[in-house]
């Protein structure tokens, strides 16, 4: 670990060029839950099985900049509801639903509310108007 005079920190590098410069892979805590849970700072990647239930986010004010990945892995396709803490919202809504197995969102707190910064919803490909069938994209094929 290198700490420069300007405060930049390097892990795996002696010449950090960012506030935190990591030269190597990063490991994340992966937790599978099977019932209603309120997330904490111990969670990062959350796999949700055996729904339906609600995953409650912590206070956005106490979690500024925190990122969570939340994925529905319930093979029965039960809904997993993601709920804000109190009056906080997720992209302006009180809750967000992961309706199918493999639905996933990545969310971040701005200190007031939660915002979806990436999502992948497991929706089957649909045929275009007048076409008998559609060719799936590579992403759809790999699901």
N, C-alpha and C. Protein backbone atom coordinates (compact mmCIF):
# COMPACT_ATOMS: atom_id res chain seq x y z
N UNK A 1 0.85 -1.18 0.00
CA UNK A 1 0.00 0.00 0.00
C UNK A 1 0.89 1.23 0.00
N UNK A 2 0.58 2.16 -0.89
CA UNK A 2 1.32 3.42 -0.98
C UNK A 2 0.38 4.57 -0.70
N UNK A 3 0.81 5.49 0.15
CA UNK A 3 0.04 6.72 0.41
C UNK A 3 0.92 7.89 0.01
N UNK A 4 0.46 8.64 -0.99
CA UNK A 4 1.21 9.80 -1.49
C UNK A 4 0.98 11.01 -0.57
N UNK A 5 1.84 12.01 -0.68
CA UNK A 5 1.69 13.25 0.10
C UNK A 5 0.37 13.96 -0.20
N UNK A 6 -0.15 13.80 -1.44
CA UNK A 6 -1.42 14.46 -1.80
C UNK A 6 -2.64 13.67 -1.32
N UNK A 7 -2.41 12.52 -0.66
CA UNK A 7 -3.50 11.72 -0.13
C UNK A 7 -3.92 10.57 -1.02
N UNK A 8 -3.43 10.50 -2.27
CA UNK A 8 -3.75 9.38 -3.14
C UNK A 8 -3.21 8.09 -2.55
N UNK A 9 -4.02 7.02 -2.65
CA UNK A 9 -3.64 5.73 -2.10
C UNK A 9 -3.53 4.72 -3.24
N UNK A 10 -2.45 3.97 -3.23
CA UNK A 10 -2.26 2.93 -4.23
C UNK A 10 -2.20 1.57 -3.59
N UNK A 11 -2.94 0.63 -4.16
CA UNK A 11 -2.88 -0.76 -3.73
C UNK A 11 -2.35 -1.55 -4.92
N UNK A 12 -1.20 -2.14 -4.77
CA UNK A 12 -0.58 -2.87 -5.88
C UNK A 12 0.14 -1.95 -6.84
N UNK A 13 0.29 -0.68 -6.50
CA UNK A 13 1.03 0.27 -7.31
C UNK A 13 1.74 1.25 -6.39
N UNK A 14 2.93 1.67 -6.78
CA UNK A 14 3.67 2.66 -5.98
C UNK A 14 3.46 4.07 -6.50
N UNK A 15 2.73 4.22 -7.63
CA UNK A 15 2.48 5.53 -8.21
C UNK A 15 0.99 5.74 -8.47
N UNK A 16 0.17 5.87 -7.41
CA UNK A 16 -1.27 6.07 -7.63
C UNK A 16 -1.54 7.39 -8.34
N UNK A 17 -2.49 7.35 -9.29
CA UNK A 17 -2.85 8.54 -10.05
C UNK A 17 -4.31 8.96 -9.80
N UNK A 18 -4.96 8.30 -8.84
CA UNK A 18 -6.32 8.62 -8.44
C UNK A 18 -6.38 8.58 -6.92
N UNK A 19 -7.48 9.06 -6.36
CA UNK A 19 -7.64 9.03 -4.91
C UNK A 19 -7.43 7.62 -4.38
N UNK A 20 -8.01 6.62 -5.07
CA UNK A 20 -7.75 5.22 -4.78
C UNK A 20 -7.43 4.54 -6.10
N UNK A 21 -6.22 4.04 -6.22
CA UNK A 21 -5.75 3.40 -7.44
C UNK A 21 -5.41 1.95 -7.11
N UNK A 22 -6.20 1.01 -7.67
CA UNK A 22 -6.01 -0.41 -7.39
C UNK A 22 -5.48 -1.09 -8.64
N UNK A 23 -4.32 -1.70 -8.49
CA UNK A 23 -3.74 -2.47 -9.58
C UNK A 23 -3.90 -3.94 -9.22
N UNK A 24 -5.04 -4.51 -9.59
CA UNK A 24 -5.36 -5.89 -9.26
C UNK A 24 -6.86 -6.05 -9.21
N UNK A 25 -7.30 -7.23 -8.89
CA UNK A 25 -8.74 -7.49 -8.85
C UNK A 25 -9.33 -7.03 -7.52
N UNK A 26 -10.65 -6.90 -7.50
CA UNK A 26 -11.37 -6.49 -6.30
C UNK A 26 -12.38 -7.60 -5.98
N UNK A 27 -12.43 -7.98 -4.73
CA UNK A 27 -13.39 -8.99 -4.30
C UNK A 27 -14.55 -8.33 -3.57
N UNK A 28 -15.75 -8.83 -3.79
CA UNK A 28 -16.95 -8.30 -3.15
C UNK A 28 -17.60 -9.38 -2.29
N UNK A 29 -18.21 -8.96 -1.20
CA UNK A 29 -18.99 -9.88 -0.39
C UNK A 29 -20.24 -10.27 -1.16
N UNK A 30 -20.49 -11.56 -1.31
CA UNK A 30 -21.69 -12.07 -1.99
C UNK A 30 -22.50 -12.83 -0.95
N UNK A 31 -23.74 -12.39 -0.76
CA UNK A 31 -24.60 -12.99 0.25
C UNK A 31 -25.90 -13.41 -0.40
N UNK A 32 -26.33 -14.65 -0.14
CA UNK A 32 -27.64 -15.12 -0.59
C UNK A 32 -28.61 -14.99 0.57
N UNK A 33 -29.74 -14.33 0.31
CA UNK A 33 -30.77 -14.20 1.33
C UNK A 33 -32.02 -14.95 0.89
N UNK A 34 -32.84 -15.37 1.86
CA UNK A 34 -34.04 -16.15 1.54
C UNK A 34 -35.28 -15.61 2.26
N UNK A 35 -35.14 -14.41 2.83
CA UNK A 35 -36.29 -13.80 3.51
C UNK A 35 -36.05 -12.30 3.58
N UNK A 36 -37.08 -11.58 4.02
CA UNK A 36 -37.00 -10.12 4.12
C UNK A 36 -35.74 -9.73 4.89
N UNK A 37 -35.03 -8.74 4.34
CA UNK A 37 -33.76 -8.31 4.91
C UNK A 37 -33.61 -6.81 4.76
N UNK A 38 -33.06 -6.17 5.79
CA UNK A 38 -32.64 -4.77 5.69
C UNK A 38 -31.14 -4.78 5.46
N UNK A 39 -30.71 -4.16 4.37
CA UNK A 39 -29.30 -4.17 4.01
C UNK A 39 -28.48 -3.29 4.95
N UNK A 40 -27.21 -3.66 5.11
CA UNK A 40 -26.27 -2.90 5.93
C UNK A 40 -25.00 -2.66 5.12
N UNK A 41 -23.99 -2.09 5.78
CA UNK A 41 -22.73 -1.88 5.09
C UNK A 41 -21.95 -3.18 4.90
N UNK A 42 -22.43 -4.29 5.46
CA UNK A 42 -21.81 -5.60 5.24
C UNK A 42 -22.26 -6.23 3.93
N UNK A 43 -23.31 -5.69 3.32
CA UNK A 43 -23.82 -6.24 2.06
C UNK A 43 -23.22 -5.48 0.88
N UNK A 44 -23.04 -6.20 -0.23
CA UNK A 44 -22.65 -5.53 -1.47
C UNK A 44 -23.36 -6.20 -2.65
N UNK A 45 -23.14 -7.50 -2.83
CA UNK A 45 -23.83 -8.26 -3.86
C UNK A 45 -24.82 -9.15 -3.12
N UNK A 46 -26.11 -8.96 -3.43
CA UNK A 46 -27.16 -9.68 -2.73
C UNK A 46 -27.92 -10.54 -3.73
N UNK A 47 -27.90 -11.85 -3.51
CA UNK A 47 -28.64 -12.80 -4.34
C UNK A 47 -29.89 -13.18 -3.56
N UNK A 48 -31.05 -12.96 -4.16
CA UNK A 48 -32.33 -13.16 -3.47
C UNK A 48 -33.00 -14.43 -3.97
N UNK A 49 -33.23 -15.37 -3.05
CA UNK A 49 -33.84 -16.65 -3.40
C UNK A 49 -35.05 -16.89 -2.50
N UNK A 50 -35.95 -17.77 -2.92
CA UNK A 50 -37.11 -18.17 -2.13
C UNK A 50 -38.03 -17.01 -1.77
N UNK A 51 -38.40 -16.19 -2.77
CA UNK A 51 -39.30 -15.08 -2.54
C UNK A 51 -40.73 -15.56 -2.41
N UNK A 52 -41.69 -14.70 -2.37
CA UNK A 52 -41.55 -13.24 -2.44
C UNK A 52 -41.27 -12.63 -1.07
N UNK A 53 -40.54 -11.51 -1.07
CA UNK A 53 -40.27 -10.75 0.14
C UNK A 53 -39.68 -9.40 -0.26
N UNK A 54 -39.41 -8.56 0.74
CA UNK A 54 -38.88 -7.22 0.49
C UNK A 54 -37.45 -7.10 1.02
N UNK A 55 -36.61 -6.50 0.21
CA UNK A 55 -35.26 -6.13 0.61
C UNK A 55 -35.32 -4.62 0.88
N UNK A 56 -35.05 -4.23 2.12
CA UNK A 56 -35.14 -2.82 2.50
C UNK A 56 -33.74 -2.21 2.48
N UNK A 57 -33.65 -1.08 1.81
CA UNK A 57 -32.37 -0.36 1.75
C UNK A 57 -32.14 0.40 3.05
N UNK A 58 -30.89 0.61 3.41
CA UNK A 58 -30.62 1.43 4.59
C UNK A 58 -30.89 2.90 4.28
N UNK A 59 -30.80 3.73 5.27
CA UNK A 59 -30.97 5.17 5.08
C UNK A 59 -30.02 5.68 4.01
N UNK A 60 -30.55 6.39 3.03
CA UNK A 60 -29.71 6.96 1.97
C UNK A 60 -28.74 7.99 2.56
N UNK A 61 -29.20 8.74 3.57
CA UNK A 61 -28.35 9.77 4.18
C UNK A 61 -27.12 9.16 4.85
N UNK A 62 -27.27 7.97 5.41
CA UNK A 62 -26.15 7.30 6.08
C UNK A 62 -25.35 6.43 5.11
N UNK A 63 -25.72 6.46 3.82
CA UNK A 63 -25.10 5.56 2.85
C UNK A 63 -24.64 6.28 1.59
N UNK A 64 -24.31 7.54 1.68
CA UNK A 64 -23.91 8.32 0.50
C UNK A 64 -22.79 7.61 -0.25
N UNK A 65 -23.03 7.38 -1.54
CA UNK A 65 -22.03 6.74 -2.40
C UNK A 65 -22.04 5.22 -2.35
N UNK A 66 -22.80 4.63 -1.46
CA UNK A 66 -22.83 3.17 -1.36
C UNK A 66 -23.54 2.58 -2.57
N UNK A 67 -23.00 1.47 -3.05
CA UNK A 67 -23.54 0.76 -4.22
C UNK A 67 -23.92 -0.65 -3.80
N UNK A 68 -25.11 -1.07 -4.24
CA UNK A 68 -25.57 -2.45 -4.03
C UNK A 68 -25.92 -3.06 -5.37
N UNK A 69 -25.59 -4.33 -5.54
CA UNK A 69 -26.07 -5.14 -6.65
C UNK A 69 -27.10 -6.09 -6.04
N UNK A 70 -28.31 -6.11 -6.58
CA UNK A 70 -29.36 -6.98 -6.06
C UNK A 70 -29.92 -7.79 -7.22
N UNK A 71 -29.89 -9.12 -7.06
CA UNK A 71 -30.32 -10.01 -8.14
C UNK A 71 -31.33 -11.02 -7.63
N UNK A 72 -32.39 -11.23 -8.41
CA UNK A 72 -33.40 -12.25 -8.13
C UNK A 72 -32.91 -13.57 -8.72
N UNK A 73 -32.66 -14.58 -7.86
CA UNK A 73 -32.24 -15.89 -8.36
C UNK A 73 -33.30 -16.96 -8.07
N UNK A 74 -34.50 -16.53 -7.75
CA UNK A 74 -35.60 -17.44 -7.42
C UNK A 74 -36.09 -18.13 -8.69
N UNK A 75 -35.86 -19.43 -8.82
CA UNK A 75 -36.25 -20.16 -10.03
C UNK A 75 -37.75 -20.27 -10.20
N UNK A 76 -38.52 -20.02 -9.13
CA UNK A 76 -39.98 -20.00 -9.24
C UNK A 76 -40.49 -18.68 -9.80
N UNK A 77 -39.60 -17.69 -9.94
CA UNK A 77 -39.98 -16.40 -10.51
C UNK A 77 -40.73 -15.51 -9.55
N UNK A 78 -40.64 -15.78 -8.23
CA UNK A 78 -41.32 -14.91 -7.26
C UNK A 78 -40.71 -13.51 -7.27
N UNK A 79 -41.58 -12.51 -7.03
CA UNK A 79 -41.13 -11.12 -7.00
C UNK A 79 -40.25 -10.85 -5.78
N UNK A 80 -39.22 -10.08 -6.00
CA UNK A 80 -38.41 -9.52 -4.92
C UNK A 80 -38.62 -8.02 -5.00
N UNK A 81 -39.14 -7.44 -3.92
CA UNK A 81 -39.39 -6.00 -3.88
C UNK A 81 -38.23 -5.33 -3.17
N UNK A 82 -37.71 -4.27 -3.76
CA UNK A 82 -36.67 -3.47 -3.14
C UNK A 82 -37.34 -2.20 -2.67
N UNK A 83 -37.21 -1.90 -1.37
CA UNK A 83 -37.89 -0.74 -0.80
C UNK A 83 -36.93 0.25 -0.19
N UNK A 84 -37.27 1.54 -0.34
CA UNK A 84 -36.49 2.58 0.30
C UNK A 84 -36.74 2.60 1.79
N UNK A 85 -35.92 3.30 2.50
CA UNK A 85 -36.02 3.40 3.95
C UNK A 85 -36.83 4.64 4.30
N UNK A 86 -38.06 4.47 4.75
CA UNK A 86 -38.91 5.62 5.09
C UNK A 86 -39.45 6.29 3.86
N UNK A 87 -39.18 7.59 3.71
CA UNK A 87 -39.71 8.36 2.59
C UNK A 87 -38.75 8.43 1.41
N UNK A 88 -37.61 7.76 1.53
CA UNK A 88 -36.64 7.78 0.44
C UNK A 88 -37.16 6.98 -0.74
N UNK A 89 -36.74 7.35 -1.93
CA UNK A 89 -37.24 6.70 -3.14
C UNK A 89 -36.10 6.02 -3.91
N UNK A 90 -36.52 5.19 -4.86
CA UNK A 90 -35.62 4.54 -5.79
C UNK A 90 -36.02 5.04 -7.17
N UNK A 91 -35.22 5.93 -7.72
CA UNK A 91 -35.56 6.58 -9.00
C UNK A 91 -36.96 7.18 -8.96
N UNK A 92 -37.34 7.77 -7.83
CA UNK A 92 -38.62 8.46 -7.71
C UNK A 92 -39.78 7.59 -7.26
N UNK A 93 -39.57 6.28 -7.12
CA UNK A 93 -40.64 5.38 -6.69
C UNK A 93 -40.34 4.86 -5.28
N UNK A 94 -41.40 4.51 -4.56
CA UNK A 94 -41.24 4.01 -3.20
C UNK A 94 -40.60 2.62 -3.20
N UNK A 95 -40.94 1.79 -4.20
CA UNK A 95 -40.36 0.45 -4.31
C UNK A 95 -39.96 0.18 -5.75
N UNK A 96 -39.19 -0.88 -5.91
CA UNK A 96 -38.79 -1.35 -7.23
C UNK A 96 -38.91 -2.88 -7.19
N UNK A 97 -39.42 -3.49 -8.24
CA UNK A 97 -39.67 -4.92 -8.22
C UNK A 97 -38.76 -5.65 -9.21
N UNK A 98 -38.13 -6.71 -8.71
CA UNK A 98 -37.41 -7.65 -9.55
C UNK A 98 -38.37 -8.81 -9.78
N UNK A 99 -39.03 -8.81 -10.93
CA UNK A 99 -40.17 -9.70 -11.18
C UNK A 99 -39.83 -11.10 -11.64
N UNK A 100 -38.65 -11.32 -12.16
CA UNK A 100 -38.30 -12.62 -12.73
C UNK A 100 -36.93 -13.07 -12.25
N UNK A 101 -36.72 -14.38 -12.33
CA UNK A 101 -35.39 -14.90 -12.07
C UNK A 101 -34.42 -14.21 -13.04
N UNK A 102 -33.28 -13.82 -12.55
CA UNK A 102 -32.18 -13.17 -13.27
C UNK A 102 -32.35 -11.67 -13.41
N UNK A 103 -33.46 -11.08 -12.94
CA UNK A 103 -33.55 -9.62 -12.91
C UNK A 103 -32.52 -9.10 -11.92
N UNK A 104 -31.84 -8.03 -12.28
CA UNK A 104 -30.80 -7.49 -11.40
C UNK A 104 -30.75 -5.97 -11.55
N UNK A 105 -30.46 -5.29 -10.42
CA UNK A 105 -30.23 -3.85 -10.47
C UNK A 105 -28.95 -3.52 -9.70
N UNK A 106 -28.34 -2.42 -10.09
CA UNK A 106 -27.23 -1.83 -9.34
C UNK A 106 -27.72 -0.44 -8.95
N UNK A 107 -27.68 -0.15 -7.65
CA UNK A 107 -28.21 1.13 -7.17
C UNK A 107 -27.16 1.85 -6.33
N UNK A 108 -27.31 3.18 -6.25
CA UNK A 108 -26.38 4.01 -5.49
C UNK A 108 -27.16 5.09 -4.75
N UNK A 109 -26.65 5.47 -3.59
CA UNK A 109 -27.26 6.55 -2.81
C UNK A 109 -26.55 7.86 -3.08
N UNK A 110 -27.34 8.93 -3.26
CA UNK A 110 -26.74 10.27 -3.38
C UNK A 110 -26.79 11.02 -2.05
N UNK A 111 -27.19 10.33 -0.99
CA UNK A 111 -27.30 10.95 0.32
C UNK A 111 -28.72 11.38 0.66
N UNK A 112 -29.61 11.38 -0.34
CA UNK A 112 -31.02 11.72 -0.12
C UNK A 112 -31.95 10.62 -0.58
N UNK A 113 -31.61 9.98 -1.69
CA UNK A 113 -32.43 8.93 -2.28
C UNK A 113 -31.52 7.91 -2.94
N UNK A 114 -32.15 6.87 -3.48
CA UNK A 114 -31.43 5.81 -4.19
C UNK A 114 -31.71 5.94 -5.68
N UNK A 115 -30.70 5.63 -6.50
CA UNK A 115 -30.83 5.74 -7.95
C UNK A 115 -30.31 4.48 -8.62
N UNK A 116 -31.08 4.00 -9.59
CA UNK A 116 -30.65 2.84 -10.37
C UNK A 116 -29.62 3.33 -11.37
N UNK A 117 -28.44 2.71 -11.35
CA UNK A 117 -27.41 3.10 -12.30
C UNK A 117 -27.18 2.02 -13.36
N UNK A 118 -27.81 0.88 -13.16
CA UNK A 118 -27.73 -0.20 -14.15
C UNK A 118 -28.80 -1.23 -13.81
N UNK A 119 -29.40 -1.81 -14.84
CA UNK A 119 -30.37 -2.87 -14.60
C UNK A 119 -30.37 -3.82 -15.78
N UNK A 120 -30.74 -5.05 -15.51
CA UNK A 120 -30.90 -6.06 -16.55
C UNK A 120 -32.16 -6.84 -16.19
N UNK A 121 -33.17 -6.67 -16.99
CA UNK A 121 -34.44 -7.32 -16.73
C UNK A 121 -34.57 -8.51 -17.68
N UNK A 122 -34.88 -9.66 -17.14
CA UNK A 122 -34.96 -10.91 -17.89
C UNK A 122 -36.28 -10.97 -18.65
N UNK A 123 -36.33 -10.27 -19.76
CA UNK A 123 -37.54 -10.28 -20.58
C UNK A 123 -37.28 -11.09 -21.83
N UNK A 124 -38.19 -11.97 -22.19
CA UNK A 124 -37.96 -12.77 -23.40
C UNK A 124 -37.98 -11.89 -24.63
N UNK A 125 -37.20 -12.23 -25.64
CA UNK A 125 -37.22 -11.45 -26.88
C UNK A 125 -38.59 -11.49 -27.52
N UNK A 126 -38.99 -10.41 -28.14
CA UNK A 126 -40.28 -10.35 -28.80
C UNK A 126 -40.09 -10.22 -30.30
N UNK A 127 -41.03 -10.75 -31.05
CA UNK A 127 -40.97 -10.66 -32.50
C UNK A 127 -41.35 -9.25 -32.93
N UNK A 128 -40.66 -8.74 -33.93
CA UNK A 128 -41.01 -7.43 -34.46
C UNK A 128 -42.28 -7.54 -35.29
N UNK A 129 -42.94 -6.41 -35.50
CA UNK A 129 -44.21 -6.41 -36.23
C UNK A 129 -44.03 -7.05 -37.60
N UNK A 130 -44.88 -7.99 -37.90
CA UNK A 130 -44.86 -8.64 -39.21
C UNK A 130 -43.87 -9.78 -39.32
N UNK A 131 -43.03 -9.97 -38.31
CA UNK A 131 -42.03 -11.03 -38.38
C UNK A 131 -42.55 -12.27 -37.64
N UNK A 132 -42.19 -13.44 -38.16
CA UNK A 132 -42.62 -14.67 -37.53
C UNK A 132 -41.87 -14.93 -36.24
N UNK A 133 -40.61 -14.55 -36.19
CA UNK A 133 -39.81 -14.72 -34.98
C UNK A 133 -38.69 -13.70 -35.01
N UNK A 134 -38.01 -13.57 -33.87
CA UNK A 134 -36.89 -12.64 -33.83
C UNK A 134 -35.63 -13.41 -33.44
N UNK A 135 -34.50 -12.91 -33.86
CA UNK A 135 -33.22 -13.50 -33.49
C UNK A 135 -32.76 -12.84 -32.21
N UNK A 136 -32.46 -13.64 -31.17
CA UNK A 136 -32.05 -13.03 -29.91
C UNK A 136 -30.67 -12.39 -30.04
N UNK A 137 -30.44 -11.36 -29.24
CA UNK A 137 -29.12 -10.76 -29.18
C UNK A 137 -28.20 -11.72 -28.44
N UNK A 138 -26.90 -11.47 -28.49
CA UNK A 138 -25.96 -12.32 -27.77
C UNK A 138 -26.27 -12.32 -26.29
N UNK A 139 -26.59 -11.15 -25.72
CA UNK A 139 -26.94 -11.06 -24.30
C UNK A 139 -28.15 -11.92 -23.96
N UNK A 140 -29.19 -11.87 -24.81
CA UNK A 140 -30.38 -12.68 -24.57
C UNK A 140 -30.07 -14.16 -24.70
N UNK A 141 -29.22 -14.51 -25.65
CA UNK A 141 -28.85 -15.90 -25.86
C UNK A 141 -28.12 -16.46 -24.65
N UNK A 142 -27.23 -15.65 -24.05
CA UNK A 142 -26.42 -16.12 -22.93
C UNK A 142 -27.19 -16.21 -21.63
N UNK A 143 -28.37 -15.62 -21.56
CA UNK A 143 -29.20 -15.75 -20.34
C UNK A 143 -29.60 -17.14 -20.22
